[in-house]
Amino acid sequence: MEETESLPKEENKSKKGSLFIFIFLFLGSLAFSGYLFLKYTENAKKIQSQNDELSLAYEVLNLNADSLRNALDIAKQELDARMTELANQGNLNSELRSQLEAKKISLDAAYTRIKNLITGEEKGGIASGTEPKNLLEAKREIARLTQSNNSYMSQIEGLQKEYEIAKSKSAEYSDLVSTLKVDNDRLVIVNDSLSKKLKGTGSFKIGNLNVEPIRTRNGKVAIEDHASKVEQIKVFFKVLISEYAKEEVRNIRVRIITPSGAVLSEETNDLIDSDKVSTIVESIMYDGTEKAVSLYYHQQGKYAKGEYDVEIFDGTTLLGIYSFILI
C-alpha cells in the first residue's frame, strides 16, 4: 500500500521540473528576441541618420549635375581667357609660350575627364548614370583644376617678368655711347689729338656698336638669349667718316670676355699674356669713309650663362665696349 502511494508523488515532481525548464527557456528566448529587436531598431535609426546626414551634405554642397557642369564650364572659360591673355603678349618668351601651349592641351584633357565624371560616361562613351560619389569627386577635381592652373600661370607671369627685366637690362647696354667708362680704368673711346688727325696716324672712331648672340632657326638667323642655344656671336659696328684719314690697312681686334673673366679664343698657348688674347682678329681697309663691319665668332662648346663684355680695339687702342646677357 505504501509503494503505490509513493509513485504519484514522484510523477508530480518530474512534471514540475519539466514545467520549470520550459518556463525558463521561454523567458530566455523572449529576452533574446527583445535584445535582437532593440539592436535592429538601433541600427535602423543609425542608418537613417547617416542617410539624412548624407542627403543634407549633398544639399549643402549643391551636388547636382547641372550646377557642376556650369561650374566646370565657368572655370574652363576663365582659365582659357587667362591663358589667351598670356599667349597674346607679343614679347612672351618662346620657351614659356611652348609650355603654355602644352598646358592648354592638358587643361582640355582634364575638362573632358571631369565632364565624364559629371555625366556618368565611361571611357567608351557609354552613360552609366551619375552617382553621388562621382559628383563629389567632380567637385573636388574642379577645385584642384582651378587652383593648379592658376598657380601655374602665376609662375609663368613671374618668369615672364624676370625675362623682361633681363631683356630690358640688356637693351640698356645697347643705348650706351662709346664714352662709357668700365671699372674706372677702361676708356670706351679714344680721344684723337688734332695733330694725329692732321698726320692721318690717329685711331678712327666707331659708332652703332651692337653685339647679338644668334642661332639659325628654320634657315633664318635669329637673335637667341638662351646660352644653351646660342651658335654664334655677331659683332657689328660702323667705322665713322674722317676727313683727315689716309688709306691704310687697320687690324681690328675683338675680345669677348665671359662671366668668369676668361677671354673666348681659339688660342691655346698658356704663355700668352691674357691682355693680348683676342677672340677675333680682322684686317680692314680704312680710307676715311663710313664702313659697316660685321664679325662673327663661333664656339664649339656651349656658352655659359651670365653677363659678357665685348671690347673693340684698333691695334692696342680701345675703341668701344658692349655688354650683353645670356640666360
Protein backbone atom coordinates (compact mmCIF):
# COMPACT_ATOMS: atom_id res chain seq x y z
CA MET A 1 0.00 0.00 0.00
CA GLU A 2 2.88 2.42 0.78
CA GLU A 3 4.66 1.66 -2.51
CA THR A 4 1.62 2.57 -4.63
CA GLU A 5 1.22 5.97 -2.88
CA SER A 6 4.87 6.99 -3.47
CA LEU A 7 4.61 6.63 -7.28
CA PRO A 8 2.21 9.57 -7.87
CA LYS A 9 4.41 11.83 -5.75
CA GLU A 10 7.48 11.12 -7.89
CA GLU A 11 5.48 11.71 -11.10
CA ASN A 12 4.32 15.09 -9.77
CA LYS A 13 7.90 16.13 -9.01
CA SER A 14 9.03 15.17 -12.55
CA LYS A 15 6.20 17.22 -14.13
CA LYS A 16 7.03 20.26 -12.02
CA GLY A 17 10.75 20.07 -13.09
CA SER A 18 9.86 19.93 -16.80
CA LEU A 19 7.49 22.87 -16.46
CA PHE A 20 10.17 24.93 -14.75
CA ILE A 21 12.68 24.22 -17.52
CA PHE A 22 10.09 25.12 -20.20
CA ILE A 23 9.26 28.42 -18.49
CA PHE A 24 12.97 29.25 -18.15
CA LEU A 25 13.68 28.55 -21.83
CA PHE A 26 10.61 30.51 -22.91
CA LEU A 27 11.59 33.54 -20.88
CA GLY A 28 15.20 33.30 -22.18
CA SER A 29 14.11 33.19 -25.82
CA LEU A 30 11.76 36.08 -25.19
CA ALA A 31 14.56 38.15 -23.67
CA PHE A 32 16.91 37.28 -26.54
CA SER A 33 14.26 38.24 -29.11
CA GLY A 34 13.78 41.53 -27.30
CA TYR A 35 17.53 42.15 -27.39
CA LEU A 36 17.67 41.44 -31.15
CA PHE A 37 14.72 43.75 -31.71
CA LEU A 38 16.42 46.57 -29.81
CA LYS A 39 19.67 46.12 -31.79
CA TYR A 40 17.73 46.12 -35.06
CA THR A 41 15.94 49.31 -34.03
CA GLU A 42 19.24 51.00 -33.11
CA ASN A 43 20.87 50.00 -36.44
CA ALA A 44 17.84 51.18 -38.37
CA LYS A 45 17.97 54.55 -36.61
CA LYS A 46 21.72 54.83 -37.24
CA ILE A 47 21.34 54.01 -40.96
CA GLN A 48 18.50 56.50 -41.27
CA SER A 49 20.58 59.15 -39.51
CA GLN A 50 23.52 58.54 -41.84
CA ASN A 51 21.23 58.78 -44.87
CA ASP A 52 19.79 62.04 -43.56
CA GLU A 53 23.29 63.45 -42.95
CA LEU A 54 24.42 62.37 -46.42
CA SER A 55 21.36 63.95 -48.03
CA LEU A 56 21.97 67.13 -46.09
CA ALA A 57 25.64 67.15 -47.15
CA TYR A 58 24.70 66.88 -50.82
CA GLU A 59 22.15 69.66 -50.36
CA VAL A 60 24.77 71.88 -48.69
CA LEU A 61 27.33 71.13 -51.39
CA ASN A 62 24.66 71.58 -54.07
CA LEU A 63 25.94 68.45 -55.79
CA ASN A 64 23.73 68.17 -58.82
CA ALA A 65 24.94 67.56 -62.35
CA ASP A 66 23.66 70.83 -63.84
CA SER A 67 25.33 73.10 -61.26
CA LEU A 68 28.62 71.20 -61.52
CA ARG A 69 28.57 71.39 -65.32
CA ASN A 70 28.05 75.15 -65.07
CA ALA A 71 30.87 75.45 -62.52
CA LEU A 72 33.18 73.39 -64.76
CA ASP A 73 32.36 75.49 -67.84
CA ILE A 74 32.92 78.76 -65.96
CA ALA A 75 36.27 77.53 -64.57
CA LYS A 76 37.34 76.40 -68.06
CA GLN A 77 36.34 79.73 -69.63
CA GLU A 78 38.23 81.74 -67.00
CA LEU A 79 41.37 79.61 -67.37
CA ASP A 80 41.17 79.79 -71.19
CA ALA A 81 40.81 83.58 -71.02
CA ARG A 82 43.85 83.91 -68.76
CA MET A 83 45.94 81.60 -70.96
CA THR A 84 44.90 83.53 -74.08
CA GLU A 85 45.83 86.82 -72.43
CA LEU A 86 49.28 85.46 -71.62
CA ALA A 87 49.76 83.94 -75.08
CA ASN A 88 48.78 87.21 -76.79
CA GLN A 89 51.71 89.04 -75.23
CA GLY A 90 53.93 89.88 -78.16
CA ASN A 91 57.11 89.72 -76.11
CA LEU A 92 56.30 86.43 -74.38
CA ASN A 93 59.39 84.25 -74.07
CA SER A 94 59.33 81.48 -76.71
CA GLU A 95 60.08 78.76 -74.16
CA LEU A 96 57.26 79.97 -71.89
CA ARG A 97 54.92 80.11 -74.90
CA SER A 98 55.64 76.45 -75.68
CA GLN A 99 54.98 75.46 -72.05
CA LEU A 100 51.71 77.43 -72.09
CA GLU A 101 50.54 75.62 -75.24
CA ALA A 102 51.29 72.25 -73.62
CA LYS A 103 49.36 73.31 -70.50
CA LYS A 104 46.38 74.26 -72.70
CA ILE A 105 46.27 70.69 -74.09
CA SER A 106 46.45 69.30 -70.54
CA LEU A 107 43.58 71.60 -69.47
CA ASP A 108 41.37 70.36 -72.32
CA ALA A 109 42.01 66.74 -71.35
CA ALA A 110 41.19 67.42 -67.68
CA TYR A 111 37.99 69.22 -68.70
CA THR A 112 36.81 66.17 -70.68
CA ARG A 113 37.64 63.80 -67.82
CA ILE A 114 35.73 65.84 -65.22
CA LYS A 115 32.80 66.28 -67.59
CA ASN A 116 32.58 62.49 -67.96
CA LEU A 117 32.52 62.16 -64.18
CA ILE A 118 29.56 64.54 -64.01
CA THR A 119 27.58 62.93 -66.85
CA GLY A 120 28.44 59.39 -65.75
CA GLU A 121 30.04 58.49 -69.09
CA GLU A 122 32.70 55.82 -69.14
CA LYS A 123 35.76 55.77 -71.36
CA GLY A 124 33.81 54.09 -74.12
CA GLY A 125 31.29 56.92 -74.15
CA ILE A 126 28.50 54.87 -72.55
CA ALA A 127 26.50 56.70 -69.88
CA SER A 128 26.31 54.61 -66.72
CA GLY A 129 24.34 57.18 -64.73
CA THR A 130 25.50 59.90 -62.38
CA GLU A 131 26.44 58.64 -58.92
CA PRO A 132 26.71 60.89 -55.85
CA LYS A 133 30.31 59.83 -55.24
CA ASN A 134 31.18 60.82 -58.84
CA LEU A 135 29.61 64.24 -58.32
CA LEU A 136 31.58 64.71 -55.12
CA GLU A 137 34.80 63.69 -56.89
CA ALA A 138 33.98 66.04 -59.79
CA LYS A 139 33.57 68.96 -57.38
CA ARG A 140 36.97 68.23 -55.86
CA GLU A 141 38.56 67.88 -59.31
CA ILE A 142 37.16 71.26 -60.42
CA ALA A 143 38.69 72.93 -57.34
CA ARG A 144 42.04 71.21 -57.93
CA LEU A 145 41.99 72.09 -61.65
CA THR A 146 41.34 75.77 -60.95
CA GLN A 147 43.95 76.02 -58.20
CA SER A 148 46.74 74.17 -60.05
CA ASN A 149 46.28 76.02 -63.34
CA ASN A 150 46.06 79.45 -61.70
CA SER A 151 49.20 78.66 -59.71
CA TYR A 152 50.99 77.53 -62.89
CA MET A 153 50.02 80.68 -64.80
CA SER A 154 51.16 82.85 -61.89
CA GLN A 155 54.56 81.15 -62.21
CA ILE A 156 54.55 81.84 -65.97
CA GLU A 157 53.77 85.51 -65.29
CA GLY A 158 56.59 85.70 -62.75
CA LEU A 159 59.10 84.13 -65.13
CA GLN A 160 57.98 86.46 -67.93
CA LYS A 161 58.56 89.50 -65.70
CA GLU A 162 62.07 88.24 -64.87
CA TYR A 163 62.69 87.71 -68.60
CA GLU A 164 61.51 91.25 -69.42
CA ILE A 165 63.73 92.73 -66.70
CA ALA A 166 66.76 90.83 -68.04
CA LYS A 167 65.92 91.86 -71.61
CA SER A 168 65.44 95.47 -70.59
CA LYS A 169 68.76 95.45 -68.78
CA SER A 170 70.44 94.06 -71.90
CA ALA A 171 68.78 96.74 -74.06
CA GLU A 172 70.12 99.48 -71.79
CA TYR A 173 73.65 98.50 -72.74
CA SER A 174 72.88 98.98 -76.44
CA ASP A 175 71.89 102.62 -75.73
CA LEU A 176 75.18 103.47 -74.09
CA VAL A 177 77.53 105.57 -76.15
CA SER A 178 81.17 104.77 -76.62
CA THR A 179 82.15 107.23 -73.85
CA LEU A 180 81.16 104.75 -71.11
CA LYS A 181 83.83 104.01 -68.51
CA VAL A 182 84.01 100.49 -67.04
CA ASP A 183 85.68 99.71 -63.71
CA ASN A 184 87.22 103.20 -63.70
CA ASP A 185 90.09 102.08 -65.90
CA ARG A 186 88.62 101.23 -69.32
CA LEU A 187 88.15 104.03 -71.80
CA VAL A 188 85.23 103.45 -74.12
CA ILE A 189 86.51 105.70 -76.85
CA VAL A 190 89.90 107.05 -77.74
CA ASN A 191 90.24 110.84 -77.90
CA ASP A 192 92.20 111.70 -81.01
CA SER A 193 94.52 114.61 -80.86
CA LEU A 194 94.30 117.15 -83.67
CA SER A 195 97.94 116.70 -84.56
CA LYS A 196 97.47 112.96 -85.11
CA LYS A 197 94.39 113.57 -87.22
CA LEU A 198 96.28 116.00 -89.42
CA LYS A 199 99.00 113.43 -89.92
CA GLY A 200 96.47 110.69 -90.57
CA THR A 201 98.02 108.37 -88.00
CA GLY A 202 95.32 108.54 -85.27
CA SER A 203 92.85 105.76 -84.44
CA PHE A 204 89.48 106.03 -86.10
CA LYS A 205 86.13 106.21 -84.32
CA ILE A 206 83.30 103.70 -84.42
CA GLY A 207 79.56 104.00 -83.90
CA ASN A 208 76.37 101.86 -83.78
CA LEU A 209 78.25 99.18 -81.85
CA ASN A 210 75.97 96.19 -81.30
CA VAL A 211 76.53 92.57 -80.27
CA GLU A 212 73.94 89.84 -80.87
CA PRO A 213 74.00 86.18 -79.78
CA ILE A 214 72.36 84.32 -82.68
CA ARG A 215 71.38 80.93 -83.98
CA THR A 216 69.94 79.57 -87.23
CA ARG A 217 66.25 78.68 -86.96
CA ASN A 218 64.35 77.24 -89.95
CA GLY A 219 67.01 78.53 -92.30
CA LYS A 220 66.90 82.06 -90.87
CA VAL A 221 69.26 83.78 -88.48
CA ALA A 222 67.54 84.83 -85.23
CA ILE A 223 68.65 86.50 -82.01
CA GLU A 224 68.86 84.00 -79.12
CA ASP A 225 69.10 84.89 -75.41
CA HIS A 226 69.40 81.31 -74.08
CA ALA A 227 73.02 80.32 -73.52
CA SER A 228 72.44 76.67 -74.40
CA LYS A 229 71.01 77.56 -77.83
CA VAL A 230 73.45 80.24 -78.98
CA GLU A 231 75.51 79.18 -82.01
CA GLN A 232 77.43 82.36 -82.85
CA ILE A 233 78.10 85.85 -81.55
CA LYS A 234 77.76 88.64 -84.10
CA VAL A 235 79.67 91.90 -83.56
CA PHE A 236 78.55 94.86 -85.67
CA PHE A 237 79.77 98.46 -85.83
CA LYS A 238 80.33 101.28 -88.26
CA VAL A 239 83.66 102.94 -88.94
CA LEU A 240 82.84 106.65 -88.89
CA ILE A 241 83.86 109.23 -91.50
CA SER A 242 87.17 111.01 -91.00
CA GLU A 243 88.34 113.67 -93.46
CA TYR A 244 91.89 113.50 -92.09
CA ALA A 245 92.41 109.77 -92.58
CA LYS A 246 94.73 108.26 -95.11
CA GLU A 247 94.07 104.94 -96.82
CA GLU A 248 95.70 102.09 -94.95
CA VAL A 249 95.06 98.58 -93.58
CA ARG A 250 93.96 98.55 -89.95
CA ASN A 251 93.91 95.50 -87.67
CA ILE A 252 90.69 95.19 -85.69
CA ARG A 253 90.81 93.05 -82.53
CA VAL A 254 87.72 91.84 -80.70
CA ARG A 255 87.85 90.43 -77.17
CA ILE A 256 84.74 88.64 -75.80
CA ILE A 257 85.09 88.28 -72.03
CA THR A 258 82.98 85.60 -70.33
CA PRO A 259 81.16 85.97 -66.97
CA SER A 260 84.10 84.21 -65.31
CA GLY A 261 86.60 86.76 -66.72
CA ALA A 262 88.15 84.46 -69.34
CA VAL A 263 88.57 85.57 -72.96
CA LEU A 264 86.83 83.45 -75.60
CA SER A 265 89.57 82.40 -78.02
CA GLU A 266 90.98 79.55 -80.04
CA GLU A 267 94.48 80.45 -78.84
CA THR A 268 95.68 77.69 -76.50
CA ASN A 269 99.19 78.92 -75.59
CA ASP A 270 99.16 79.41 -71.81
CA LEU A 271 102.27 81.61 -72.01
CA ILE A 272 100.42 84.36 -73.88
CA ASP A 273 99.53 87.38 -71.75
CA SER A 274 95.73 87.36 -71.20
CA ASP A 275 95.57 91.04 -72.17
CA LYS A 276 96.91 90.10 -75.59
CA VAL A 277 94.47 87.22 -76.18
CA SER A 278 91.93 88.03 -78.90
CA THR A 279 88.63 86.42 -79.82
CA ILE A 280 88.56 87.77 -83.39
CA VAL A 281 91.27 89.48 -85.46
CA GLU A 282 90.22 91.10 -88.74
CA SER A 283 92.02 93.41 -91.17
CA ILE A 284 90.03 96.15 -92.90
CA MET A 285 90.94 98.83 -95.44
CA TYR A 286 90.40 102.21 -93.79
CA ASP A 287 90.12 105.20 -96.11
CA GLY A 288 88.12 107.70 -94.04
CA THR A 289 84.71 106.77 -95.46
CA GLU A 290 81.90 105.25 -93.42
CA LYS A 291 82.12 101.47 -93.46
CA ALA A 292 79.89 98.79 -91.87
CA VAL A 293 81.78 95.91 -90.28
CA SER A 294 80.24 92.57 -89.21
CA LEU A 295 82.32 89.96 -87.41
CA TYR A 296 81.29 86.51 -86.18
CA TYR A 297 82.61 84.19 -83.51
CA HIS A 298 81.62 80.51 -83.33
CA GLN A 299 82.41 78.35 -80.30
CA GLN A 300 82.37 74.57 -80.39
CA GLY A 301 81.07 74.15 -76.84
CA LYS A 302 78.07 75.75 -75.16
CA TYR A 303 78.16 79.29 -73.85
CA ALA A 304 77.88 79.98 -70.13
CA LYS A 305 75.03 81.96 -68.62
CA GLY A 306 75.71 85.48 -67.37
CA GLU A 307 76.99 88.88 -68.48
CA TYR A 308 79.57 89.18 -71.28
CA ASP A 309 81.78 92.19 -72.14
CA VAL A 310 82.93 92.82 -75.72
CA GLU A 311 85.94 95.07 -76.33
CA ILE A 312 86.85 96.50 -79.76
CA PHE A 313 90.47 97.52 -80.40
CA ASP A 314 92.33 99.23 -83.24
CA GLY A 315 95.67 97.59 -82.63
CA THR A 316 96.17 98.40 -78.93
CA THR A 317 93.71 101.30 -78.79
CA LEU A 318 90.33 100.62 -77.21
CA LEU A 319 87.52 101.86 -79.48
CA GLY A 320 84.43 100.70 -77.63
CA ILE A 321 82.79 98.28 -75.20
CA TYR A 322 79.46 96.48 -75.31
CA SER A 323 77.80 94.16 -72.79
CA PHE A 324 75.08 91.53 -73.17
CA ILE A 325 73.47 88.85 -71.04
CA LEU A 326 72.74 85.18 -71.75
CA ILE A 327 70.08 83.45 -69.64
